[in-house]
Amino acid sequence: MRIKRPIDDGEAARVLTYLAVIQIRAMARRREPFFEWMGDDYVACIGWLADLVHSLAGAPPPTMRLPFPRRRHRVMEHTWAVADDAGRRWILEALEREGRAWNPPTGGKPALGGLIARWARCREGG
């Protein structure tokens, strides 16, 4: 039994992005799903996996400081909030296979902050 190494959101995002690229390449070459999929449409599987991890590639490294942080932001917060059950299962199983222990964010969708929050309020008429 392999001991799981605890990781933070930044490392989880890097590991998941790497695994997704490897699996997408494998599916494109083999022309079949890399893992258990709802059907044999590997193109749909590639699209689903790419959609799941598209926001992870832009995650700032842990050393990068954003100006005026109002609250601690978790890199995986948005990805976890918008992932469906299959996406969450893929995230947890992929990290498990790699021997990583990761605690997903709790709660629902992350709160909007700054300019995005103002824009959203304006659109809602508030």
N, C-alpha and C. Protein backbone atom coordinates (compact mmCIF):
# COMPACT_ATOMS: atom_id res chain seq x y z
N MET A 1 0.84 -1.18 0.00
CA MET A 1 0.00 0.00 0.00
C MET A 1 0.89 1.24 0.00
N ARG A 2 0.62 2.14 -0.91
CA ARG A 2 1.41 3.35 -1.05
C ARG A 2 0.88 4.43 -0.11
N ILE A 3 1.79 5.12 0.56
CA ILE A 3 1.39 6.22 1.44
C ILE A 3 1.10 7.43 0.58
N LYS A 4 -0.04 8.07 0.84
CA LYS A 4 -0.43 9.24 0.06
C LYS A 4 0.25 10.48 0.62
N ARG A 5 0.81 11.28 -0.28
CA ARG A 5 1.47 12.51 0.11
C ARG A 5 0.47 13.66 0.02
N PRO A 6 0.28 14.42 1.13
CA PRO A 6 -0.66 15.54 1.08
C PRO A 6 -0.16 16.63 0.13
N ILE A 7 -1.08 17.21 -0.63
CA ILE A 7 -0.73 18.27 -1.57
C ILE A 7 -1.73 19.42 -1.46
N ASP A 8 -1.30 20.60 -1.90
CA ASP A 8 -2.18 21.76 -1.90
C ASP A 8 -2.88 21.87 -3.26
N ASP A 9 -3.71 22.88 -3.40
CA ASP A 9 -4.47 23.06 -4.65
C ASP A 9 -3.57 23.28 -5.85
N GLY A 10 -2.49 24.04 -5.67
CA GLY A 10 -1.60 24.32 -6.79
C GLY A 10 -0.98 23.06 -7.36
N GLU A 11 -0.50 22.20 -6.48
CA GLU A 11 0.09 20.94 -6.95
C GLU A 11 -0.98 20.03 -7.54
N ALA A 12 -2.16 20.01 -6.93
CA ALA A 12 -3.26 19.20 -7.48
C ALA A 12 -3.59 19.66 -8.90
N ALA A 13 -3.64 20.97 -9.11
CA ALA A 13 -3.94 21.51 -10.45
C ALA A 13 -2.87 21.11 -11.45
N ARG A 14 -1.60 21.18 -11.04
CA ARG A 14 -0.51 20.79 -11.96
C ARG A 14 -0.56 19.31 -12.30
N VAL A 15 -0.79 18.46 -11.30
CA VAL A 15 -0.87 17.01 -11.54
C VAL A 15 -2.04 16.68 -12.45
N LEU A 16 -3.20 17.27 -12.19
CA LEU A 16 -4.40 16.99 -12.99
C LEU A 16 -4.25 17.49 -14.43
N THR A 17 -3.64 18.65 -14.61
CA THR A 17 -3.42 19.16 -15.97
C THR A 17 -2.51 18.21 -16.74
N TYR A 18 -1.43 17.78 -16.10
CA TYR A 18 -0.49 16.85 -16.74
C TYR A 18 -1.20 15.55 -17.12
N LEU A 19 -1.96 14.97 -16.18
CA LEU A 19 -2.65 13.71 -16.45
C LEU A 19 -3.69 13.86 -17.55
N ALA A 20 -4.40 14.99 -17.56
CA ALA A 20 -5.41 15.22 -18.60
C ALA A 20 -4.77 15.29 -19.98
N VAL A 21 -3.64 15.99 -20.10
CA VAL A 21 -2.96 16.07 -21.39
C VAL A 21 -2.51 14.69 -21.85
N ILE A 22 -1.95 13.90 -20.95
CA ILE A 22 -1.52 12.54 -21.29
C ILE A 22 -2.71 11.70 -21.76
N GLN A 23 -3.82 11.78 -21.03
CA GLN A 23 -4.99 10.98 -21.40
C GLN A 23 -5.62 11.46 -22.70
N ILE A 24 -5.65 12.77 -22.93
CA ILE A 24 -6.18 13.29 -24.19
C ILE A 24 -5.32 12.82 -25.36
N ARG A 25 -4.00 12.88 -25.20
CA ARG A 25 -3.11 12.40 -26.27
C ARG A 25 -3.32 10.91 -26.54
N ALA A 26 -3.47 10.12 -25.47
CA ALA A 26 -3.68 8.68 -25.63
C ALA A 26 -4.99 8.40 -26.36
N MET A 27 -6.05 9.13 -26.01
CA MET A 27 -7.34 8.92 -26.67
C MET A 27 -7.28 9.33 -28.14
N ALA A 28 -6.59 10.42 -28.43
CA ALA A 28 -6.49 10.88 -29.82
C ALA A 28 -5.74 9.87 -30.67
N ARG A 29 -4.73 9.24 -30.11
CA ARG A 29 -3.94 8.26 -30.88
C ARG A 29 -4.64 6.91 -30.99
N ARG A 30 -5.25 6.46 -29.89
CA ARG A 30 -5.90 5.15 -29.88
C ARG A 30 -7.29 5.18 -30.48
N ARG A 31 -7.88 6.36 -30.53
CA ARG A 31 -9.24 6.56 -31.04
C ARG A 31 -10.27 5.77 -30.25
N GLU A 32 -10.06 5.75 -28.95
CA GLU A 32 -11.02 5.16 -28.03
C GLU A 32 -10.81 5.80 -26.67
N PRO A 33 -11.85 5.81 -25.82
CA PRO A 33 -11.72 6.43 -24.51
C PRO A 33 -10.60 5.79 -23.69
N PHE A 34 -9.91 6.61 -22.93
CA PHE A 34 -8.79 6.14 -22.11
C PHE A 34 -9.28 5.46 -20.83
N PHE A 35 -10.44 5.88 -20.36
CA PHE A 35 -11.00 5.34 -19.12
C PHE A 35 -12.47 5.02 -19.37
N GLU A 36 -13.12 4.45 -18.37
CA GLU A 36 -14.53 4.08 -18.54
C GLU A 36 -15.34 5.32 -18.90
N TRP A 37 -16.02 5.24 -20.02
CA TRP A 37 -16.77 6.37 -20.55
C TRP A 37 -18.16 5.89 -20.89
N MET A 38 -19.10 6.82 -20.99
CA MET A 38 -20.51 6.47 -21.20
C MET A 38 -20.78 5.82 -22.56
N GLY A 39 -19.88 5.94 -23.48
CA GLY A 39 -20.05 5.34 -24.80
C GLY A 39 -18.70 5.18 -25.45
N ASP A 40 -18.70 4.98 -26.75
CA ASP A 40 -17.42 4.80 -27.44
C ASP A 40 -17.02 6.04 -28.24
N ASP A 41 -17.63 7.17 -27.97
CA ASP A 41 -17.30 8.42 -28.65
C ASP A 41 -16.11 9.07 -27.95
N TYR A 42 -14.90 8.74 -28.39
CA TYR A 42 -13.70 9.25 -27.74
C TYR A 42 -13.55 10.75 -27.93
N VAL A 43 -14.10 11.31 -29.00
CA VAL A 43 -14.01 12.76 -29.22
C VAL A 43 -14.81 13.50 -28.13
N ALA A 44 -15.97 12.98 -27.79
CA ALA A 44 -16.76 13.57 -26.71
C ALA A 44 -16.02 13.45 -25.38
N CYS A 45 -15.35 12.34 -25.18
CA CYS A 45 -14.58 12.13 -23.95
C CYS A 45 -13.41 13.12 -23.89
N ILE A 46 -12.73 13.35 -25.00
CA ILE A 46 -11.64 14.33 -25.05
C ILE A 46 -12.18 15.72 -24.73
N GLY A 47 -13.30 16.08 -25.33
CA GLY A 47 -13.90 17.38 -25.08
C GLY A 47 -14.30 17.56 -23.62
N TRP A 48 -14.89 16.53 -23.03
CA TRP A 48 -15.31 16.59 -21.64
C TRP A 48 -14.11 16.79 -20.73
N LEU A 49 -13.04 16.03 -20.95
CA LEU A 49 -11.85 16.13 -20.11
C LEU A 49 -11.17 17.49 -20.29
N ALA A 50 -11.11 17.98 -21.52
CA ALA A 50 -10.52 19.31 -21.77
C ALA A 50 -11.34 20.40 -21.10
N ASP A 51 -12.67 20.29 -21.16
CA ASP A 51 -13.52 21.27 -20.48
C ASP A 51 -13.31 21.25 -18.97
N LEU A 52 -13.13 20.06 -18.43
CA LEU A 52 -12.96 19.92 -16.98
C LEU A 52 -11.71 20.63 -16.48
N VAL A 53 -10.62 20.51 -17.21
CA VAL A 53 -9.35 21.06 -16.71
C VAL A 53 -8.91 22.35 -17.40
N HIS A 54 -9.78 22.97 -18.21
CA HIS A 54 -9.35 24.15 -18.96
C HIS A 54 -8.91 25.30 -18.06
N SER A 55 -9.49 25.44 -16.90
CA SER A 55 -9.11 26.55 -16.02
C SER A 55 -7.88 26.27 -15.18
N LEU A 56 -7.42 25.04 -15.17
CA LEU A 56 -6.27 24.70 -14.33
C LEU A 56 -4.95 25.21 -14.89
N ALA A 57 -4.83 25.29 -16.19
CA ALA A 57 -3.55 25.69 -16.79
C ALA A 57 -3.18 27.12 -16.43
N GLY A 58 -4.16 27.98 -16.17
CA GLY A 58 -3.88 29.36 -15.84
C GLY A 58 -3.73 29.62 -14.36
N ALA A 59 -3.66 28.58 -13.56
CA ALA A 59 -3.54 28.78 -12.12
C ALA A 59 -2.19 29.41 -11.78
N PRO A 60 -2.19 30.48 -10.99
CA PRO A 60 -0.92 31.13 -10.67
C PRO A 60 -0.07 30.23 -9.77
N PRO A 61 1.25 30.26 -9.95
CA PRO A 61 2.11 29.46 -9.08
C PRO A 61 2.02 29.97 -7.65
N PRO A 62 2.36 29.13 -6.66
CA PRO A 62 2.20 29.53 -5.27
C PRO A 62 3.05 30.75 -4.89
N THR A 63 4.11 31.05 -5.62
CA THR A 63 4.97 32.18 -5.28
C THR A 63 4.42 33.50 -5.81
N MET A 64 3.50 33.43 -6.76
CA MET A 64 2.95 34.66 -7.34
C MET A 64 1.94 35.28 -6.38
N ARG A 65 2.12 36.55 -6.08
CA ARG A 65 1.22 37.26 -5.18
C ARG A 65 0.35 38.21 -5.99
N LEU A 66 -0.93 38.09 -5.81
CA LEU A 66 -1.85 39.01 -6.47
C LEU A 66 -2.03 40.22 -5.56
N PRO A 67 -2.17 41.43 -6.12
CA PRO A 67 -2.30 42.61 -5.29
C PRO A 67 -3.61 42.63 -4.50
N PHE A 68 -3.54 43.12 -3.29
CA PHE A 68 -4.69 43.33 -2.42
C PHE A 68 -5.57 42.09 -2.24
N PRO A 69 -5.01 41.01 -1.73
CA PRO A 69 -5.87 39.84 -1.52
C PRO A 69 -6.87 40.10 -0.40
N ARG A 70 -8.13 39.88 -0.67
CA ARG A 70 -9.18 40.10 0.34
C ARG A 70 -9.45 38.83 1.13
N ARG A 71 -9.28 37.71 0.49
CA ARG A 71 -9.50 36.43 1.18
C ARG A 71 -8.59 35.39 0.53
N ARG A 72 -8.38 34.33 1.26
CA ARG A 72 -7.53 33.27 0.72
C ARG A 72 -8.31 32.56 -0.39
N HIS A 73 -7.71 32.49 -1.56
CA HIS A 73 -8.35 31.88 -2.72
C HIS A 73 -7.73 30.52 -2.98
N ARG A 74 -8.56 29.52 -3.17
CA ARG A 74 -8.07 28.19 -3.51
C ARG A 74 -8.11 28.04 -5.02
N VAL A 75 -7.00 27.62 -5.58
CA VAL A 75 -6.85 27.48 -7.03
C VAL A 75 -7.91 26.55 -7.61
N MET A 76 -8.24 25.50 -6.91
CA MET A 76 -9.18 24.50 -7.42
C MET A 76 -10.64 24.81 -7.09
N GLU A 77 -10.90 25.92 -6.42
CA GLU A 77 -12.25 26.24 -5.96
C GLU A 77 -13.26 26.30 -7.11
N HIS A 78 -12.94 27.03 -8.15
CA HIS A 78 -13.87 27.17 -9.28
C HIS A 78 -14.04 25.85 -10.02
N THR A 79 -12.94 25.18 -10.30
CA THR A 79 -13.01 23.91 -11.04
C THR A 79 -13.86 22.90 -10.28
N TRP A 80 -13.67 22.81 -8.96
CA TRP A 80 -14.44 21.87 -8.15
C TRP A 80 -15.92 22.25 -8.13
N ALA A 81 -16.19 23.56 -8.06
CA ALA A 81 -17.58 24.03 -7.97
C ALA A 81 -18.36 23.76 -9.25
N VAL A 82 -17.71 23.85 -10.40
CA VAL A 82 -18.44 23.68 -11.67
C VAL A 82 -18.36 22.26 -12.22
N ALA A 83 -17.55 21.40 -11.61
CA ALA A 83 -17.42 20.02 -12.09
C ALA A 83 -18.68 19.23 -11.75
N ASP A 84 -19.10 18.37 -12.68
CA ASP A 84 -20.22 17.48 -12.39
C ASP A 84 -19.71 16.29 -11.56
N ASP A 85 -20.59 15.36 -11.24
CA ASP A 85 -20.19 14.21 -10.42
C ASP A 85 -19.08 13.40 -11.08
N ALA A 86 -19.18 13.21 -12.40
CA ALA A 86 -18.15 12.45 -13.11
C ALA A 86 -16.81 13.19 -13.06
N GLY A 87 -16.85 14.51 -13.18
CA GLY A 87 -15.62 15.30 -13.11
C GLY A 87 -14.98 15.24 -11.74
N ARG A 88 -15.79 15.35 -10.71
CA ARG A 88 -15.25 15.25 -9.35
C ARG A 88 -14.67 13.86 -9.09
N ARG A 89 -15.35 12.84 -9.60
CA ARG A 89 -14.85 11.48 -9.45
C ARG A 89 -13.51 11.31 -10.17
N TRP A 90 -13.40 11.87 -11.40
CA TRP A 90 -12.14 11.78 -12.15
C TRP A 90 -11.02 12.48 -11.38
N ILE A 91 -11.28 13.66 -10.84
CA ILE A 91 -10.27 14.40 -10.08
C ILE A 91 -9.77 13.57 -8.90
N LEU A 92 -10.70 13.06 -8.10
CA LEU A 92 -10.31 12.31 -6.90
C LEU A 92 -9.60 11.01 -7.25
N GLU A 93 -10.10 10.29 -8.26
CA GLU A 93 -9.48 9.02 -8.64
C GLU A 93 -8.10 9.23 -9.26
N ALA A 94 -7.94 10.29 -10.06
CA ALA A 94 -6.64 10.56 -10.68
C ALA A 94 -5.60 10.87 -9.62
N LEU A 95 -5.94 11.69 -8.64
CA LEU A 95 -5.00 12.01 -7.57
C LEU A 95 -4.72 10.79 -6.70
N GLU A 96 -5.73 9.97 -6.47
CA GLU A 96 -5.56 8.74 -5.70
C GLU A 96 -4.56 7.81 -6.38
N ARG A 97 -4.72 7.62 -7.71
CA ARG A 97 -3.80 6.76 -8.46
C ARG A 97 -2.36 7.27 -8.40
N GLU A 98 -2.20 8.58 -8.31
CA GLU A 98 -0.86 9.18 -8.25
C GLU A 98 -0.30 9.21 -6.83
N GLY A 99 -1.06 8.69 -5.86
CA GLY A 99 -0.59 8.65 -4.49
C GLY A 99 -0.61 10.00 -3.80
N ARG A 100 -1.56 10.84 -4.17
CA ARG A 100 -1.67 12.18 -3.59
C ARG A 100 -2.93 12.27 -2.74
N ALA A 101 -2.83 12.91 -1.60
CA ALA A 101 -3.98 13.17 -0.72
C ALA A 101 -4.34 14.64 -0.85
N TRP A 102 -5.58 14.91 -1.28
CA TRP A 102 -6.03 16.28 -1.50
C TRP A 102 -7.41 16.45 -0.91
N ASN A 103 -7.63 17.57 -0.22
CA ASN A 103 -8.94 17.88 0.35
C ASN A 103 -9.65 18.86 -0.56
N PRO A 104 -10.78 18.47 -1.15
CA PRO A 104 -11.50 19.38 -2.04
C PRO A 104 -12.09 20.56 -1.26
N PRO A 105 -12.30 21.68 -1.95
CA PRO A 105 -12.94 22.83 -1.30
C PRO A 105 -14.35 22.47 -0.85
N THR A 106 -14.79 23.10 0.21
CA THR A 106 -16.15 22.87 0.70
C THR A 106 -17.04 24.02 0.24
N GLY A 107 -18.32 23.78 0.25
CA GLY A 107 -19.26 24.83 -0.12
C GLY A 107 -19.61 24.79 -1.59
N GLY A 108 -20.40 25.77 -1.99
CA GLY A 108 -20.87 25.85 -3.37
C GLY A 108 -19.92 26.64 -4.24
N LYS A 109 -20.50 27.42 -5.13
CA LYS A 109 -19.69 28.20 -6.06
C LYS A 109 -18.95 29.30 -5.30
N PRO A 110 -17.73 29.61 -5.73
CA PRO A 110 -16.97 30.65 -5.05
C PRO A 110 -17.62 32.01 -5.22
N ALA A 111 -17.46 32.85 -4.22
CA ALA A 111 -18.02 34.20 -4.29
C ALA A 111 -17.22 35.03 -5.29
N LEU A 112 -17.92 35.88 -6.00
CA LEU A 112 -17.26 36.76 -6.95
C LEU A 112 -16.69 37.95 -6.19
N GLY A 113 -15.56 38.45 -6.64
CA GLY A 113 -14.95 39.60 -5.97
C GLY A 113 -14.51 40.64 -6.97
N GLY A 114 -14.24 41.84 -6.48
CA GLY A 114 -13.67 42.91 -7.29
C GLY A 114 -14.55 43.35 -8.43
N LEU A 115 -13.92 43.57 -9.58
CA LEU A 115 -14.62 44.07 -10.76
C LEU A 115 -15.68 43.10 -11.27
N ILE A 116 -15.39 41.82 -11.16
CA ILE A 116 -16.35 40.82 -11.63
C ILE A 116 -17.64 40.90 -10.82
N ALA A 117 -17.52 41.09 -9.50
CA ALA A 117 -18.71 41.21 -8.65
C ALA A 117 -19.52 42.45 -9.03
N ARG A 118 -18.83 43.57 -9.28
CA ARG A 118 -19.52 44.80 -9.68
C ARG A 118 -20.23 44.61 -11.01
N TRP A 119 -19.57 43.96 -11.96
CA TRP A 119 -20.16 43.70 -13.27
C TRP A 119 -21.42 42.83 -13.12
N ALA A 120 -21.32 41.78 -12.27
CA ALA A 120 -22.45 40.88 -12.06
C ALA A 120 -23.63 41.63 -11.43
N ARG A 121 -23.34 42.52 -10.46
CA ARG A 121 -24.42 43.29 -9.83
C ARG A 121 -25.09 44.21 -10.84
N CYS A 122 -24.29 44.83 -11.71
CA CYS A 122 -24.85 45.73 -12.74
C CYS A 122 -25.76 44.96 -13.69
N ARG A 123 -25.34 43.76 -14.07
CA ARG A 123 -26.14 42.95 -14.99
C ARG A 123 -27.46 42.52 -14.34
N GLU A 124 -27.42 42.31 -13.02
CA GLU A 124 -28.63 41.89 -12.30
C GLU A 124 -29.52 43.08 -11.96
N GLY A 125 -29.03 44.29 -12.22
CA GLY A 125 -29.83 45.48 -11.94
C GLY A 125 -29.66 46.00 -10.52
N GLY A 126 -28.58 45.54 -9.84
CA GLY A 126 -28.38 45.96 -8.44
C GLY A 126 -27.33 46.90 -8.26
